[in-house]
Amino acid sequence: MDRSVAVVGCEHYVEALDPAACVGSPVRHPVTGRIEGVVNVTTRTRDASPLQLALVEEVTYEIERELLAGASARERLLLDAFVGARHRSRHPVACLSEELVLTTPAAARLLEPVDQGLLWERAAAALADGAGSIELPIAAGGTMHARCSPVGEGGEPAGVLLALEL
């Protein structure tokens, strides 16, 4: 389930649930994008209201805000860098640290054959050496070029931003 959904009465697959009106919305972790849970309101069909969907979406939004507030400063730096680069770049983008990888769908497809640990080691080494790029294998064979930019505040990088180019 990628979005909020309402299933009312006979829309259920199971006839025994016809008397129920169910509204649900996935709760995604704002940093990792993983589904952490679902907000659900179920009532009798006769008691259902169009406002249930709005209620469920508002509760979901508030939970996701709290999850973001609970994220570490490092995770928020990586997320901010990733979101900014995703909107600015026409290339597939990834942002990673030792514990976290954020990618656009195009970057995920390109990075599929690359081990996360290896990717982090190569990107971190490139930053430490002052190199602005690394070469990585691609699923179809051959290599791709990844421009590396440090992410962080002060002298210690929280992670690295990669702009991928075939």
N, C-alpha and C. Protein backbone atom coordinates (compact mmCIF):
# COMPACT_ATOMS: atom_id res chain seq x y z
N MET A 1 0.86 -1.17 0.00
CA MET A 1 0.00 0.00 0.00
C MET A 1 0.90 1.23 0.00
N ASP A 2 0.84 2.00 -1.05
CA ASP A 2 1.68 3.19 -1.17
C ASP A 2 0.95 4.47 -0.81
N ARG A 3 -0.35 4.40 -0.63
CA ARG A 3 -1.12 5.61 -0.37
C ARG A 3 -2.31 5.26 0.51
N SER A 4 -3.01 6.29 0.94
CA SER A 4 -4.22 6.08 1.75
C SER A 4 -5.28 5.40 0.91
N VAL A 5 -6.09 4.60 1.59
CA VAL A 5 -7.13 3.87 0.88
C VAL A 5 -8.35 3.70 1.80
N ALA A 6 -9.51 3.71 1.18
CA ALA A 6 -10.76 3.44 1.90
C ALA A 6 -11.44 2.26 1.23
N VAL A 7 -11.88 1.30 2.04
CA VAL A 7 -12.62 0.15 1.54
C VAL A 7 -13.91 0.10 2.35
N VAL A 8 -15.02 0.28 1.67
CA VAL A 8 -16.31 0.42 2.35
C VAL A 8 -17.29 -0.64 1.87
N GLY A 9 -17.90 -1.32 2.83
CA GLY A 9 -18.97 -2.26 2.53
C GLY A 9 -18.57 -3.36 1.57
N CYS A 10 -19.33 -3.49 0.49
CA CYS A 10 -19.12 -4.59 -0.45
C CYS A 10 -17.83 -4.46 -1.27
N GLU A 11 -17.05 -3.41 -1.05
CA GLU A 11 -15.76 -3.29 -1.73
C GLU A 11 -14.74 -4.27 -1.14
N HIS A 12 -15.02 -4.82 0.06
CA HIS A 12 -14.13 -5.80 0.67
C HIS A 12 -14.10 -7.08 -0.16
N TYR A 13 -12.97 -7.77 -0.11
CA TYR A 13 -12.86 -9.05 -0.81
C TYR A 13 -13.60 -10.16 -0.08
N VAL A 14 -13.74 -9.99 1.23
CA VAL A 14 -14.37 -11.02 2.05
C VAL A 14 -15.78 -10.54 2.41
N GLU A 15 -16.77 -11.32 2.05
CA GLU A 15 -18.16 -10.93 2.26
C GLU A 15 -18.48 -10.66 3.73
N ALA A 16 -17.81 -11.36 4.64
CA ALA A 16 -18.06 -11.17 6.07
C ALA A 16 -17.71 -9.76 6.53
N LEU A 17 -16.88 -9.04 5.75
CA LEU A 17 -16.48 -7.68 6.12
C LEU A 17 -17.37 -6.60 5.48
N ASP A 18 -18.38 -7.00 4.75
CA ASP A 18 -19.27 -6.02 4.11
C ASP A 18 -19.86 -4.99 5.08
N PRO A 19 -20.13 -5.34 6.33
CA PRO A 19 -20.66 -4.33 7.26
C PRO A 19 -19.61 -3.31 7.72
N ALA A 20 -18.35 -3.45 7.31
CA ALA A 20 -17.28 -2.59 7.81
C ALA A 20 -16.85 -1.55 6.78
N ALA A 21 -16.43 -0.40 7.30
CA ALA A 21 -15.80 0.66 6.49
C ALA A 21 -14.41 0.84 7.06
N CYS A 22 -13.39 0.61 6.25
CA CYS A 22 -12.01 0.68 6.71
C CYS A 22 -11.25 1.75 5.93
N VAL A 23 -10.50 2.56 6.64
CA VAL A 23 -9.65 3.57 6.03
C VAL A 23 -8.26 3.39 6.60
N GLY A 24 -7.25 3.33 5.73
CA GLY A 24 -5.89 3.12 6.20
C GLY A 24 -4.89 3.95 5.41
N SER A 25 -3.77 4.24 6.06
CA SER A 25 -2.70 5.01 5.43
C SER A 25 -1.35 4.51 5.93
N PRO A 26 -0.40 4.26 5.02
CA PRO A 26 0.91 3.78 5.47
C PRO A 26 1.70 4.89 6.15
N VAL A 27 2.44 4.52 7.19
CA VAL A 27 3.34 5.45 7.88
C VAL A 27 4.74 5.13 7.39
N ARG A 28 5.33 6.07 6.67
CA ARG A 28 6.68 5.88 6.14
C ARG A 28 7.69 6.64 6.99
N HIS A 29 8.82 5.99 7.26
CA HIS A 29 9.88 6.70 7.97
C HIS A 29 10.43 7.74 7.01
N PRO A 30 10.47 9.01 7.43
CA PRO A 30 10.87 10.07 6.50
C PRO A 30 12.33 10.02 6.07
N VAL A 31 13.16 9.31 6.80
CA VAL A 31 14.57 9.20 6.40
C VAL A 31 14.79 7.97 5.54
N THR A 32 14.32 6.82 5.98
CA THR A 32 14.60 5.58 5.24
C THR A 32 13.57 5.27 4.16
N GLY A 33 12.36 5.83 4.28
CA GLY A 33 11.31 5.54 3.33
C GLY A 33 10.60 4.22 3.59
N ARG A 34 11.06 3.46 4.60
CA ARG A 34 10.43 2.18 4.92
C ARG A 34 9.05 2.41 5.53
N ILE A 35 8.15 1.49 5.26
CA ILE A 35 6.84 1.53 5.91
C ILE A 35 7.02 1.01 7.33
N GLU A 36 6.71 1.85 8.30
CA GLU A 36 6.87 1.50 9.70
C GLU A 36 5.59 0.98 10.32
N GLY A 37 4.47 1.27 9.68
CA GLY A 37 3.19 0.82 10.20
C GLY A 37 2.06 1.39 9.36
N VAL A 38 0.84 1.20 9.84
CA VAL A 38 -0.34 1.68 9.14
C VAL A 38 -1.29 2.29 10.17
N VAL A 39 -1.84 3.44 9.84
CA VAL A 39 -2.91 4.02 10.64
C VAL A 39 -4.21 3.53 10.03
N ASN A 40 -5.08 2.96 10.86
CA ASN A 40 -6.32 2.38 10.37
C ASN A 40 -7.48 2.81 11.26
N VAL A 41 -8.58 3.16 10.63
CA VAL A 41 -9.83 3.41 11.35
C VAL A 41 -10.88 2.53 10.70
N THR A 42 -11.53 1.71 11.51
CA THR A 42 -12.57 0.81 11.02
C THR A 42 -13.85 1.09 11.80
N THR A 43 -14.93 1.27 11.07
CA THR A 43 -16.25 1.50 11.68
C THR A 43 -17.27 0.62 10.96
N ARG A 44 -18.48 0.63 11.47
CA ARG A 44 -19.57 -0.01 10.74
C ARG A 44 -19.86 0.87 9.51
N THR A 45 -20.25 0.26 8.43
CA THR A 45 -20.51 1.00 7.19
C THR A 45 -21.51 2.12 7.41
N ARG A 46 -22.52 1.87 8.18
CA ARG A 46 -23.55 2.89 8.40
C ARG A 46 -23.02 4.09 9.18
N ASP A 47 -21.91 3.92 9.91
CA ASP A 47 -21.31 5.01 10.68
C ASP A 47 -20.15 5.69 9.95
N ALA A 48 -19.85 5.22 8.75
CA ALA A 48 -18.70 5.76 8.02
C ALA A 48 -18.92 7.22 7.64
N SER A 49 -17.78 7.93 7.55
CA SER A 49 -17.82 9.35 7.18
C SER A 49 -16.69 9.63 6.20
N PRO A 50 -16.92 10.53 5.25
CA PRO A 50 -15.84 10.93 4.34
C PRO A 50 -14.68 11.58 5.10
N LEU A 51 -14.93 12.04 6.31
CA LEU A 51 -13.88 12.68 7.10
C LEU A 51 -12.87 11.69 7.68
N GLN A 52 -13.21 10.40 7.66
CA GLN A 52 -12.28 9.39 8.18
C GLN A 52 -10.97 9.41 7.41
N LEU A 53 -11.03 9.56 6.11
CA LEU A 53 -9.82 9.59 5.30
C LEU A 53 -8.95 10.78 5.68
N ALA A 54 -9.56 11.94 5.84
CA ALA A 54 -8.80 13.13 6.25
C ALA A 54 -8.18 12.93 7.63
N LEU A 55 -8.92 12.31 8.55
CA LEU A 55 -8.42 12.05 9.90
C LEU A 55 -7.21 11.13 9.85
N VAL A 56 -7.32 10.03 9.12
CA VAL A 56 -6.24 9.06 9.01
C VAL A 56 -5.00 9.71 8.39
N GLU A 57 -5.17 10.51 7.35
CA GLU A 57 -4.03 11.16 6.70
C GLU A 57 -3.37 12.18 7.63
N GLU A 58 -4.16 12.90 8.42
CA GLU A 58 -3.59 13.87 9.36
C GLU A 58 -2.81 13.16 10.47
N VAL A 59 -3.34 12.07 10.99
CA VAL A 59 -2.64 11.31 12.02
C VAL A 59 -1.34 10.74 11.44
N THR A 60 -1.40 10.22 10.23
CA THR A 60 -0.19 9.70 9.57
C THR A 60 0.86 10.79 9.42
N TYR A 61 0.45 11.95 8.98
CA TYR A 61 1.37 13.09 8.82
C TYR A 61 2.03 13.44 10.16
N GLU A 62 1.27 13.47 11.22
CA GLU A 62 1.81 13.81 12.54
C GLU A 62 2.80 12.75 13.03
N ILE A 63 2.50 11.49 12.79
CA ILE A 63 3.42 10.42 13.18
C ILE A 63 4.73 10.54 12.41
N GLU A 64 4.64 10.80 11.11
CA GLU A 64 5.85 10.95 10.30
C GLU A 64 6.67 12.15 10.74
N ARG A 65 6.02 13.23 11.14
CA ARG A 65 6.74 14.40 11.68
C ARG A 65 7.48 14.03 12.95
N GLU A 66 6.85 13.25 13.82
CA GLU A 66 7.51 12.82 15.06
C GLU A 66 8.68 11.89 14.76
N LEU A 67 8.53 11.03 13.77
CA LEU A 67 9.64 10.16 13.37
C LEU A 67 10.83 10.99 12.89
N LEU A 68 10.55 12.03 12.10
CA LEU A 68 11.62 12.90 11.62
C LEU A 68 12.27 13.64 12.78
N ALA A 69 11.46 14.11 13.71
CA ALA A 69 12.01 14.82 14.88
C ALA A 69 12.91 13.89 15.70
N GLY A 70 12.60 12.60 15.69
CA GLY A 70 13.40 11.62 16.43
C GLY A 70 14.63 11.15 15.68
N ALA A 71 14.77 11.53 14.43
CA ALA A 71 15.95 11.14 13.65
C ALA A 71 17.16 11.90 14.16
N SER A 72 18.30 11.30 14.02
CA SER A 72 19.53 11.96 14.47
C SER A 72 19.84 13.15 13.56
N ALA A 73 20.66 14.06 14.08
CA ALA A 73 21.07 15.22 13.29
C ALA A 73 21.78 14.76 12.02
N ARG A 74 22.54 13.69 12.14
CA ARG A 74 23.26 13.14 10.98
C ARG A 74 22.28 12.65 9.92
N GLU A 75 21.24 11.93 10.34
CA GLU A 75 20.24 11.43 9.39
C GLU A 75 19.51 12.59 8.71
N ARG A 76 19.21 13.64 9.46
CA ARG A 76 18.52 14.79 8.87
C ARG A 76 19.42 15.52 7.88
N LEU A 77 20.72 15.61 8.18
CA LEU A 77 21.66 16.21 7.22
C LEU A 77 21.66 15.43 5.91
N LEU A 78 21.72 14.11 6.01
CA LEU A 78 21.73 13.28 4.81
C LEU A 78 20.43 13.40 4.04
N LEU A 79 19.32 13.40 4.74
CA LEU A 79 18.02 13.54 4.08
C LEU A 79 17.91 14.89 3.38
N ASP A 80 18.29 15.96 4.05
CA ASP A 80 18.22 17.30 3.44
C ASP A 80 19.11 17.38 2.19
N ALA A 81 20.31 16.82 2.27
CA ALA A 81 21.22 16.84 1.12
C ALA A 81 20.63 16.03 -0.04
N PHE A 82 20.06 14.87 0.29
CA PHE A 82 19.47 14.01 -0.74
C PHE A 82 18.29 14.70 -1.43
N VAL A 83 17.38 15.25 -0.65
CA VAL A 83 16.20 15.90 -1.22
C VAL A 83 16.60 17.09 -2.08
N GLY A 84 17.54 17.90 -1.59
CA GLY A 84 18.02 19.04 -2.38
C GLY A 84 18.65 18.61 -3.69
N ALA A 85 19.50 17.60 -3.64
CA ALA A 85 20.18 17.13 -4.86
C ALA A 85 19.19 16.50 -5.83
N ARG A 86 18.21 15.78 -5.29
CA ARG A 86 17.21 15.13 -6.14
C ARG A 86 16.45 16.17 -6.96
N HIS A 87 16.18 17.32 -6.37
CA HIS A 87 15.44 18.36 -7.08
C HIS A 87 16.33 19.17 -8.03
N ARG A 88 17.61 19.24 -7.74
CA ARG A 88 18.53 20.04 -8.56
C ARG A 88 19.13 19.27 -9.72
N SER A 89 19.31 17.98 -9.56
CA SER A 89 20.09 17.20 -10.52
C SER A 89 19.21 16.48 -11.53
N ARG A 90 19.72 16.36 -12.73
CA ARG A 90 19.03 15.55 -13.74
C ARG A 90 19.61 14.14 -13.76
N HIS A 91 20.64 13.90 -12.96
CA HIS A 91 21.27 12.58 -12.85
C HIS A 91 20.64 11.78 -11.72
N PRO A 92 20.75 10.44 -11.78
CA PRO A 92 20.36 9.63 -10.63
C PRO A 92 21.23 10.02 -9.43
N VAL A 93 20.64 10.06 -8.24
CA VAL A 93 21.33 10.54 -7.05
C VAL A 93 21.23 9.53 -5.92
N ALA A 94 22.32 9.41 -5.17
CA ALA A 94 22.34 8.59 -3.95
C ALA A 94 23.04 9.39 -2.86
N CYS A 95 22.61 9.19 -1.64
CA CYS A 95 23.25 9.82 -0.49
C CYS A 95 23.44 8.71 0.52
N LEU A 96 24.66 8.56 1.04
CA LEU A 96 24.90 7.45 1.92
C LEU A 96 25.87 7.77 3.04
N SER A 97 25.76 6.95 4.07
CA SER A 97 26.70 6.93 5.18
C SER A 97 26.99 5.46 5.44
N GLU A 98 27.67 5.20 6.52
CA GLU A 98 27.98 3.81 6.86
C GLU A 98 26.71 3.01 7.17
N GLU A 99 25.67 3.70 7.69
CA GLU A 99 24.46 3.01 8.12
C GLU A 99 23.27 3.20 7.21
N LEU A 100 23.31 4.14 6.27
CA LEU A 100 22.11 4.55 5.56
C LEU A 100 22.41 4.79 4.09
N VAL A 101 21.48 4.36 3.22
CA VAL A 101 21.57 4.66 1.79
C VAL A 101 20.22 5.19 1.34
N LEU A 102 20.21 6.37 0.73
CA LEU A 102 19.01 6.96 0.14
C LEU A 102 19.27 7.08 -1.35
N THR A 103 18.34 6.62 -2.18
CA THR A 103 18.54 6.69 -3.63
C THR A 103 17.26 7.09 -4.34
N THR A 104 17.43 7.70 -5.50
CA THR A 104 16.30 7.86 -6.40
C THR A 104 16.05 6.49 -7.02
N PRO A 105 14.86 6.24 -7.58
CA PRO A 105 14.62 4.94 -8.21
C PRO A 105 15.64 4.60 -9.31
N ALA A 106 16.02 5.59 -10.10
CA ALA A 106 17.00 5.35 -11.17
C ALA A 106 18.35 4.96 -10.59
N ALA A 107 18.76 5.61 -9.50
CA ALA A 107 20.03 5.27 -8.86
C ALA A 107 19.97 3.87 -8.26
N ALA A 108 18.84 3.50 -7.68
CA ALA A 108 18.70 2.15 -7.10
C ALA A 108 18.88 1.09 -8.16
N ARG A 109 18.31 1.31 -9.35
CA ARG A 109 18.47 0.34 -10.43
C ARG A 109 19.92 0.24 -10.88
N LEU A 110 20.59 1.38 -10.97
CA LEU A 110 21.99 1.37 -11.40
C LEU A 110 22.91 0.75 -10.36
N LEU A 111 22.61 0.96 -9.08
CA LEU A 111 23.48 0.49 -8.00
C LEU A 111 23.16 -0.93 -7.56
N GLU A 112 22.19 -1.56 -8.18
CA GLU A 112 21.76 -2.89 -7.76
C GLU A 112 22.91 -3.89 -7.57
N PRO A 113 23.89 -3.95 -8.46
CA PRO A 113 24.94 -4.95 -8.27
C PRO A 113 26.03 -4.52 -7.26
N VAL A 114 25.93 -3.34 -6.71
CA VAL A 114 26.98 -2.82 -5.84
C VAL A 114 26.62 -3.06 -4.38
N ASP A 115 27.52 -3.70 -3.64
CA ASP A 115 27.32 -3.94 -2.22
C ASP A 115 27.38 -2.61 -1.46
N GLN A 116 26.44 -2.41 -0.51
CA GLN A 116 26.38 -1.15 0.23
C GLN A 116 27.68 -0.85 0.97
N GLY A 117 28.26 -1.87 1.59
CA GLY A 117 29.52 -1.67 2.32
C GLY A 117 30.64 -1.23 1.39
N LEU A 118 30.74 -1.87 0.24
CA LEU A 118 31.76 -1.51 -0.74
C LEU A 118 31.54 -0.09 -1.26
N LEU A 119 30.29 0.24 -1.51
CA LEU A 119 29.96 1.58 -2.00
C LEU A 119 30.39 2.62 -0.98
N TRP A 120 30.08 2.40 0.29
CA TRP A 120 30.47 3.35 1.34
C TRP A 120 31.99 3.45 1.44
N GLU A 121 32.69 2.32 1.44
CA GLU A 121 34.16 2.32 1.54
C GLU A 121 34.78 3.13 0.41
N ARG A 122 34.31 2.90 -0.82
CA ARG A 122 34.89 3.61 -1.97
C ARG A 122 34.58 5.10 -1.92
N ALA A 123 33.34 5.45 -1.55
CA ALA A 123 32.97 6.86 -1.49
C ALA A 123 33.72 7.56 -0.34
N ALA A 124 33.81 6.92 0.82
CA ALA A 124 34.53 7.51 1.96
C ALA A 124 36.01 7.67 1.63
N ALA A 125 36.59 6.69 0.95
CA ALA A 125 38.00 6.79 0.56
C ALA A 125 38.21 7.92 -0.44
N ALA A 126 37.29 8.08 -1.37
CA ALA A 126 37.38 9.18 -2.34
C ALA A 126 37.35 10.53 -1.63
N LEU A 127 36.49 10.67 -0.63
CA LEU A 127 36.42 11.92 0.13
C LEU A 127 37.72 12.15 0.90
N ALA A 128 38.22 11.10 1.54
CA ALA A 128 39.45 11.23 2.33
C ALA A 128 40.65 11.59 1.45
N ASP A 129 40.68 11.06 0.23
CA ASP A 129 41.78 11.33 -0.69
C ASP A 129 41.61 12.64 -1.44
N GLY A 130 40.47 13.27 -1.29
CA GLY A 130 40.20 14.50 -2.03
C GLY A 130 39.78 14.25 -3.46
N ALA A 131 39.52 12.98 -3.79
CA ALA A 131 39.06 12.65 -5.14
C ALA A 131 37.61 13.07 -5.28
N GLY A 132 37.25 13.57 -6.41
CA GLY A 132 35.89 14.04 -6.61
C GLY A 132 34.97 13.01 -7.22
N SER A 133 35.51 11.78 -7.49
CA SER A 133 34.65 10.80 -8.14
C SER A 133 35.18 9.39 -7.93
N ILE A 134 34.31 8.42 -8.22
CA ILE A 134 34.68 7.01 -8.18
C ILE A 134 34.03 6.32 -9.38
N GLU A 135 34.54 5.15 -9.73
CA GLU A 135 33.96 4.32 -10.78
C GLU A 135 33.29 3.12 -10.11
N LEU A 136 32.08 2.77 -10.58
CA LEU A 136 31.31 1.67 -10.00
C LEU A 136 30.79 0.76 -11.10
N PRO A 137 30.65 -0.56 -10.80
CA PRO A 137 30.08 -1.47 -11.80
C PRO A 137 28.59 -1.22 -11.96
N ILE A 138 28.06 -1.53 -13.15
CA ILE A 138 26.61 -1.42 -13.38
C ILE A 138 26.06 -2.80 -13.74
N ALA A 139 24.76 -2.96 -13.56
CA ALA A 139 24.11 -4.26 -13.76
C ALA A 139 24.31 -4.79 -15.18
N ALA A 140 24.28 -3.92 -16.17
CA ALA A 140 24.39 -4.35 -17.57
C ALA A 140 25.83 -4.64 -17.98
N GLY A 141 26.76 -4.49 -17.06
CA GLY A 141 28.18 -4.66 -17.37
C GLY A 141 28.80 -3.30 -17.60
N GLY A 142 30.10 -3.20 -17.45
CA GLY A 142 30.78 -1.93 -17.60
C GLY A 142 30.79 -1.17 -16.28
N THR A 143 31.05 0.13 -16.38
CA THR A 143 31.13 0.95 -15.18
C THR A 143 30.37 2.25 -15.35
N MET A 144 30.12 2.91 -14.24
CA MET A 144 29.54 4.24 -14.25
C MET A 144 30.43 5.13 -13.40
N HIS A 145 30.31 6.40 -13.66
CA HIS A 145 31.07 7.44 -12.95
C HIS A 145 30.16 8.04 -11.88
N ALA A 146 30.67 8.22 -10.68
CA ALA A 146 29.89 8.84 -9.60
C ALA A 146 30.67 10.02 -9.04
N ARG A 147 30.10 11.22 -9.18
CA ARG A 147 30.71 12.41 -8.57
C ARG A 147 30.37 12.40 -7.09
N CYS A 148 31.38 12.61 -6.25
CA CYS A 148 31.23 12.53 -4.79
C CYS A 148 31.31 13.92 -4.17
N SER A 149 30.37 14.22 -3.29
CA SER A 149 30.39 15.47 -2.54
C SER A 149 30.15 15.15 -1.07
N PRO A 150 30.95 15.73 -0.17
CA PRO A 150 30.74 15.45 1.25
C PRO A 150 29.44 16.09 1.74
N VAL A 151 28.81 15.43 2.70
CA VAL A 151 27.61 15.95 3.36
C VAL A 151 27.93 16.08 4.84
N GLY A 152 27.71 17.27 5.37
CA GLY A 152 27.94 17.45 6.80
C GLY A 152 28.16 18.90 7.15
N GLU A 153 28.33 19.11 8.43
CA GLU A 153 28.61 20.44 8.95
C GLU A 153 29.93 20.38 9.70
N GLY A 154 30.68 21.44 9.62
CA GLY A 154 31.98 21.44 10.28
C GLY A 154 32.97 20.59 9.51
N GLY A 155 33.95 20.06 10.19
CA GLY A 155 34.99 19.29 9.52
C GLY A 155 34.69 17.84 9.29
N GLU A 156 33.77 17.25 10.05
CA GLU A 156 33.50 15.82 9.96
C GLU A 156 32.31 15.53 9.05
N PRO A 157 32.52 14.83 7.91
CA PRO A 157 31.38 14.55 7.04
C PRO A 157 30.44 13.52 7.66
N ALA A 158 29.14 13.73 7.46
CA ALA A 158 28.13 12.79 7.93
C ALA A 158 27.92 11.70 6.89
N GLY A 159 28.27 11.98 5.66
CA GLY A 159 28.08 11.04 4.58
C GLY A 159 28.55 11.64 3.27
N VAL A 160 28.12 11.03 2.19
CA VAL A 160 28.54 11.48 0.87
C VAL A 160 27.35 11.45 -0.08
N LEU A 161 27.31 12.43 -0.95
CA LEU A 161 26.29 12.54 -1.98
C LEU A 161 26.92 12.10 -3.29
N LEU A 162 26.25 11.20 -4.00
CA LEU A 162 26.76 10.70 -5.28
C LEU A 162 25.81 11.10 -6.41
N ALA A 163 26.36 11.72 -7.45
CA ALA A 163 25.62 11.99 -8.68
C ALA A 163 26.13 10.97 -9.69
N LEU A 164 25.28 10.08 -10.15
CA LEU A 164 25.69 8.97 -11.00
C LEU A 164 25.58 9.33 -12.47
N GLU A 165 26.62 9.01 -13.22
CA GLU A 165 26.65 9.27 -14.66
C GLU A 165 27.15 8.04 -15.36
N LEU A 166 26.39 7.57 -16.37
CA LEU A 166 26.84 6.40 -17.14
C LEU A 166 27.98 6.80 -18.04
